[in-house]
Amino acid sequence: MNRWSLSALAALAFAATSVCAQITTERGAPLGVKPALIAVSATPPIIQVEGKEDRFSPGVRIRDRSNRLVLTGTLAGQTVYSVYKRESSGLVHEVWLLNEEEFRKLGGSTANLNDPDGYKRFYELLDLIWANRFLLLK
């Protein structure tokens, strides 16, 4: 009887752990990001951000709409809608890919984000986009 109860307890602990592992958390909008069209050259890390020459950082993290990491080589020669963050040296370090509709909702350029209300609206829309992605993943 004692052996059976230990087995049942171990099975219950395993089941509880696996259920907890399957629960996904809602991803919030990243802070300090800017929307941009990023044109990746045929030889990354050379890129153009809104038409200006730039570079990816050596450890760049590019995330697709499902929050999976994307390699720079898969984006070679493409122009992508995105929001991005820079590292302390000024290189583009984190990129989140968007679809055209999400990019359009964000305004599509940083021109409208010079006033505080523009930034507030930008982050509200970004939160809505991430929340919608979470609902699609369920």
C-alpha atoms as a PDB file:
ATOM      1  CA  MET A   1       0.000   0.000   0.000  1.00  0.00           C
ATOM      2  CA  ASN A   2       2.824   2.357   0.847  1.00  0.00           C
ATOM      3  CA  ARG A   3       4.463   1.815  -2.553  1.00  0.00           C
ATOM      4  CA  TRP A   4       1.186   2.620  -4.340  1.00  0.00           C
ATOM      5  CA  SER A   5       0.706   5.912  -2.489  1.00  0.00           C
ATOM      6  CA  LEU A   6       4.250   7.058  -3.331  1.00  0.00           C
ATOM      7  CA  SER A   7       3.653   6.234  -7.011  1.00  0.00           C
ATOM      8  CA  ALA A   8       0.335   8.096  -6.987  1.00  0.00           C
ATOM      9  CA  LEU A   9       1.926  11.105  -5.321  1.00  0.00           C
ATOM     10  CA  ALA A  10       4.752  11.146  -7.879  1.00  0.00           C
ATOM     11  CA  ALA A  11       2.239  10.890 -10.763  1.00  0.00           C
ATOM     12  CA  LEU A  12       0.152  13.714  -9.306  1.00  0.00           C
ATOM     13  CA  ALA A  13       3.220  15.938  -8.929  1.00  0.00           C
ATOM     14  CA  PHE A  14       4.252  15.194 -12.526  1.00  0.00           C
ATOM     15  CA  ALA A  15       0.748  15.991 -13.828  1.00  0.00           C
ATOM     16  CA  ALA A  16       0.610  19.262 -11.910  1.00  0.00           C
ATOM     17  CA  THR A  17       4.029  20.264 -13.231  1.00  0.00           C
ATOM     18  CA  SER A  18       3.119  19.503 -16.842  1.00  0.00           C
ATOM     19  CA  VAL A  19      -0.142  21.470 -16.576  1.00  0.00           C
ATOM     20  CA  CYS A  20       1.719  24.475 -15.168  1.00  0.00           C
ATOM     21  CA  ALA A  21       4.297  24.252 -17.950  1.00  0.00           C
ATOM     22  CA  GLN A  22       1.576  24.521 -20.602  1.00  0.00           C
ATOM     23  CA  ILE A  23       0.134  27.743 -19.217  1.00  0.00           C
ATOM     24  CA  THR A  24       1.373  30.630 -21.332  1.00  0.00           C
ATOM     25  CA  THR A  25       1.732  34.129 -20.044  1.00  0.00           C
ATOM     26  CA  GLU A  26       0.558  37.165 -21.912  1.00  0.00           C
ATOM     27  CA  ARG A  27       3.490  39.025 -23.367  1.00  0.00           C
ATOM     28  CA  GLY A  28       3.412  42.753 -22.793  1.00  0.00           C
ATOM     29  CA  ALA A  29       4.533  45.343 -25.254  1.00  0.00           C
ATOM     30  CA  PRO A  30       8.257  46.005 -25.086  1.00  0.00           C
ATOM     31  CA  LEU A  31       9.250  49.376 -23.645  1.00  0.00           C
ATOM     32  CA  GLY A  32      11.334  51.908 -25.521  1.00  0.00           C
ATOM     33  CA  VAL A  33      10.694  50.592 -29.035  1.00  0.00           C
ATOM     34  CA  LYS A  34      10.291  52.548 -32.258  1.00  0.00           C
ATOM     35  CA  PRO A  35       8.289  51.492 -35.317  1.00  0.00           C
ATOM     36  CA  ALA A  36      10.229  51.336 -38.589  1.00  0.00           C
ATOM     37  CA  LEU A  37      10.544  49.722 -41.983  1.00  0.00           C
ATOM     38  CA  ILE A  38      13.786  47.764 -41.898  1.00  0.00           C
ATOM     39  CA  ALA A  39      15.366  46.795 -45.211  1.00  0.00           C
ATOM     40  CA  VAL A  40      17.826  43.952 -44.674  1.00  0.00           C
ATOM     41  CA  SER A  41      20.624  43.867 -47.248  1.00  0.00           C
ATOM     42  CA  ALA A  42      21.691  40.729 -49.063  1.00  0.00           C
ATOM     43  CA  THR A  43      24.577  40.546 -46.584  1.00  0.00           C
ATOM     44  CA  PRO A  44      23.317  41.093 -43.036  1.00  0.00           C
ATOM     45  CA  PRO A  45      24.132  42.770 -40.569  1.00  0.00           C
ATOM     46  CA  ILE A  46      23.943  45.758 -42.933  1.00  0.00           C
ATOM     47  CA  ILE A  47      20.415  47.218 -42.904  1.00  0.00           C
ATOM     48  CA  GLN A  48      18.483  50.387 -43.663  1.00  0.00           C
ATOM     49  CA  VAL A  49      16.142  51.767 -41.014  1.00  0.00           C
ATOM     50  CA  GLU A  50      13.669  54.217 -42.562  1.00  0.00           C
ATOM     51  CA  GLY A  51      16.085  54.709 -45.478  1.00  0.00           C
ATOM     52  CA  LYS A  52      19.190  55.393 -43.360  1.00  0.00           C
ATOM     53  CA  GLU A  53      22.177  53.045 -43.297  1.00  0.00           C
ATOM     54  CA  ASP A  54      22.489  51.076 -40.052  1.00  0.00           C
ATOM     55  CA  ARG A  55      23.668  47.733 -38.683  1.00  0.00           C
ATOM     56  CA  PHE A  56      22.384  44.895 -36.540  1.00  0.00           C
ATOM     57  CA  SER A  57      24.340  44.300 -33.349  1.00  0.00           C
ATOM     58  CA  PRO A  58      26.367  41.064 -33.157  1.00  0.00           C
ATOM     59  CA  GLY A  59      23.797  39.450 -30.839  1.00  0.00           C
ATOM     60  CA  VAL A  60      20.652  40.780 -32.482  1.00  0.00           C
ATOM     61  CA  ARG A  61      17.367  39.117 -31.459  1.00  0.00           C
ATOM     62  CA  ILE A  62      14.670  39.177 -34.110  1.00  0.00           C
ATOM     63  CA  ARG A  63      11.277  37.814 -33.086  1.00  0.00           C
ATOM     64  CA  ASP A  64       8.465  36.913 -35.452  1.00  0.00           C
ATOM     65  CA  ARG A  65       4.741  37.224 -34.772  1.00  0.00           C
ATOM     66  CA  SER A  66       4.769  33.976 -32.757  1.00  0.00           C
ATOM     67  CA  ASN A  67       7.662  35.239 -30.601  1.00  0.00           C
ATOM     68  CA  ARG A  68      10.104  32.779 -32.207  1.00  0.00           C
ATOM     69  CA  LEU A  69      13.665  33.837 -32.948  1.00  0.00           C
ATOM     70  CA  VAL A  70      14.450  34.534 -36.604  1.00  0.00           C
ATOM     71  CA  LEU A  71      17.953  34.432 -38.067  1.00  0.00           C
ATOM     72  CA  THR A  72      19.182  37.465 -39.994  1.00  0.00           C
ATOM     73  CA  GLY A  73      19.975  35.324 -43.041  1.00  0.00           C
ATOM     74  CA  THR A  74      16.305  34.420 -43.509  1.00  0.00           C
ATOM     75  CA  LEU A  75      15.477  38.121 -43.869  1.00  0.00           C
ATOM     76  CA  ALA A  76      18.252  38.875 -46.390  1.00  0.00           C
ATOM     77  CA  GLY A  77      16.983  41.052 -49.226  1.00  0.00           C
ATOM     78  CA  GLN A  78      13.622  41.727 -47.548  1.00  0.00           C
ATOM     79  CA  THR A  79      11.951  44.847 -46.179  1.00  0.00           C
ATOM     80  CA  VAL A  80      10.002  44.123 -43.003  1.00  0.00           C
ATOM     81  CA  TYR A  81       7.557  46.022 -40.821  1.00  0.00           C
ATOM     82  CA  SER A  82       8.865  46.115 -37.284  1.00  0.00           C
ATOM     83  CA  VAL A  83       9.409  47.782 -33.953  1.00  0.00           C
ATOM     84  CA  TYR A  84      12.986  47.833 -32.716  1.00  0.00           C
ATOM     85  CA  LYS A  85      15.284  48.721 -29.838  1.00  0.00           C
ATOM     86  CA  ARG A  86      18.897  49.854 -29.917  1.00  0.00           C
ATOM     87  CA  GLU A  87      21.728  48.819 -27.621  1.00  0.00           C
ATOM     88  CA  SER A  88      23.982  51.282 -25.793  1.00  0.00           C
ATOM     89  CA  SER A  89      26.410  51.530 -28.725  1.00  0.00           C
ATOM     90  CA  GLY A  90      23.572  52.560 -31.070  1.00  0.00           C
ATOM     91  CA  LEU A  91      23.240  49.345 -33.088  1.00  0.00           C
ATOM     92  CA  VAL A  92      19.832  47.718 -33.622  1.00  0.00           C
ATOM     93  CA  HIS A  93      19.700  44.950 -31.024  1.00  0.00           C
ATOM     94  CA  GLU A  94      16.082  43.756 -30.666  1.00  0.00           C
ATOM     95  CA  VAL A  95      13.472  43.576 -33.427  1.00  0.00           C
ATOM     96  CA  TRP A  96       9.850  42.443 -33.309  1.00  0.00           C
ATOM     97  CA  LEU A  97       8.305  41.751 -36.723  1.00  0.00           C
ATOM     98  CA  LEU A  98       4.805  43.049 -37.427  1.00  0.00           C
ATOM     99  CA  ASN A  99       2.382  42.540 -40.247  1.00  0.00           C
ATOM    100  CA  GLU A 100       1.269  45.466 -42.410  1.00  0.00           C
ATOM    101  CA  GLU A 101      -1.992  45.974 -40.508  1.00  0.00           C
ATOM    102  CA  GLU A 102      -0.228  46.174 -37.126  1.00  0.00           C
ATOM    103  CA  PHE A 103       2.359  48.557 -38.555  1.00  0.00           C
ATOM    104  CA  ARG A 104      -0.375  50.771 -40.001  1.00  0.00           C
ATOM    105  CA  LYS A 105      -2.160  50.871 -36.628  1.00  0.00           C
ATOM    106  CA  LEU A 106       1.060  52.106 -35.042  1.00  0.00           C
ATOM    107  CA  GLY A 107       1.228  55.008 -37.458  1.00  0.00           C
ATOM    108  CA  GLY A 108       3.861  53.523 -39.723  1.00  0.00           C
ATOM    109  CA  SER A 109       6.474  56.137 -38.894  1.00  0.00           C
ATOM    110  CA  THR A 110       7.878  58.030 -35.941  1.00  0.00           C
ATOM    111  CA  ALA A 111       6.736  61.363 -37.351  1.00  0.00           C
ATOM    112  CA  ASN A 112       3.552  61.414 -35.230  1.00  0.00           C
ATOM    113  CA  LEU A 113       5.338  60.419 -32.020  1.00  0.00           C
ATOM    114  CA  ASN A 114       6.965  63.760 -31.145  1.00  0.00           C
ATOM    115  CA  ASP A 115       4.341  64.739 -28.573  1.00  0.00           C
ATOM    116  CA  PRO A 116       3.604  62.876 -25.304  1.00  0.00           C
ATOM    117  CA  ASP A 117       0.080  61.952 -26.426  1.00  0.00           C
ATOM    118  CA  GLY A 118       1.550  60.322 -29.535  1.00  0.00           C
ATOM    119  CA  TYR A 119       3.761  58.087 -27.404  1.00  0.00           C
ATOM    120  CA  LYS A 120       0.830  57.228 -25.134  1.00  0.00           C
ATOM    121  CA  ARG A 121      -1.316  56.246 -28.139  1.00  0.00           C
ATOM    122  CA  PHE A 122       1.602  54.290 -29.633  1.00  0.00           C
ATOM    123  CA  TYR A 123       2.011  52.192 -26.469  1.00  0.00           C
ATOM    124  CA  GLU A 124      -1.750  51.644 -26.143  1.00  0.00           C
ATOM    125  CA  LEU A 125      -1.868  50.310 -29.706  1.00  0.00           C
ATOM    126  CA  LEU A 126       1.213  48.190 -29.100  1.00  0.00           C
ATOM    127  CA  ASP A 127      -0.449  46.648 -26.028  1.00  0.00           C
ATOM    128  CA  LEU A 128      -3.542  45.855 -28.121  1.00  0.00           C
ATOM    129  CA  ILE A 129      -1.419  44.154 -30.786  1.00  0.00           C
ATOM    130  CA  TRP A 130       0.414  41.956 -28.253  1.00  0.00           C
ATOM    131  CA  ALA A 131      -2.889  41.111 -26.530  1.00  0.00           C
ATOM    132  CA  ASN A 132      -4.432  40.065 -29.872  1.00  0.00           C
ATOM    133  CA  ARG A 133      -1.445  37.858 -30.636  1.00  0.00           C
ATOM    134  CA  PHE A 134      -1.868  36.175 -27.248  1.00  0.00           C
ATOM    135  CA  LEU A 135      -5.527  35.440 -28.017  1.00  0.00           C
ATOM    136  CA  LEU A 136      -4.562  33.959 -31.409  1.00  0.00           C
ATOM    137  CA  LEU A 137      -2.063  31.609 -29.767  1.00  0.00           C
ATOM    138  CA  LYS A 138      -4.706  30.078 -27.494  1.00  0.00           C
END
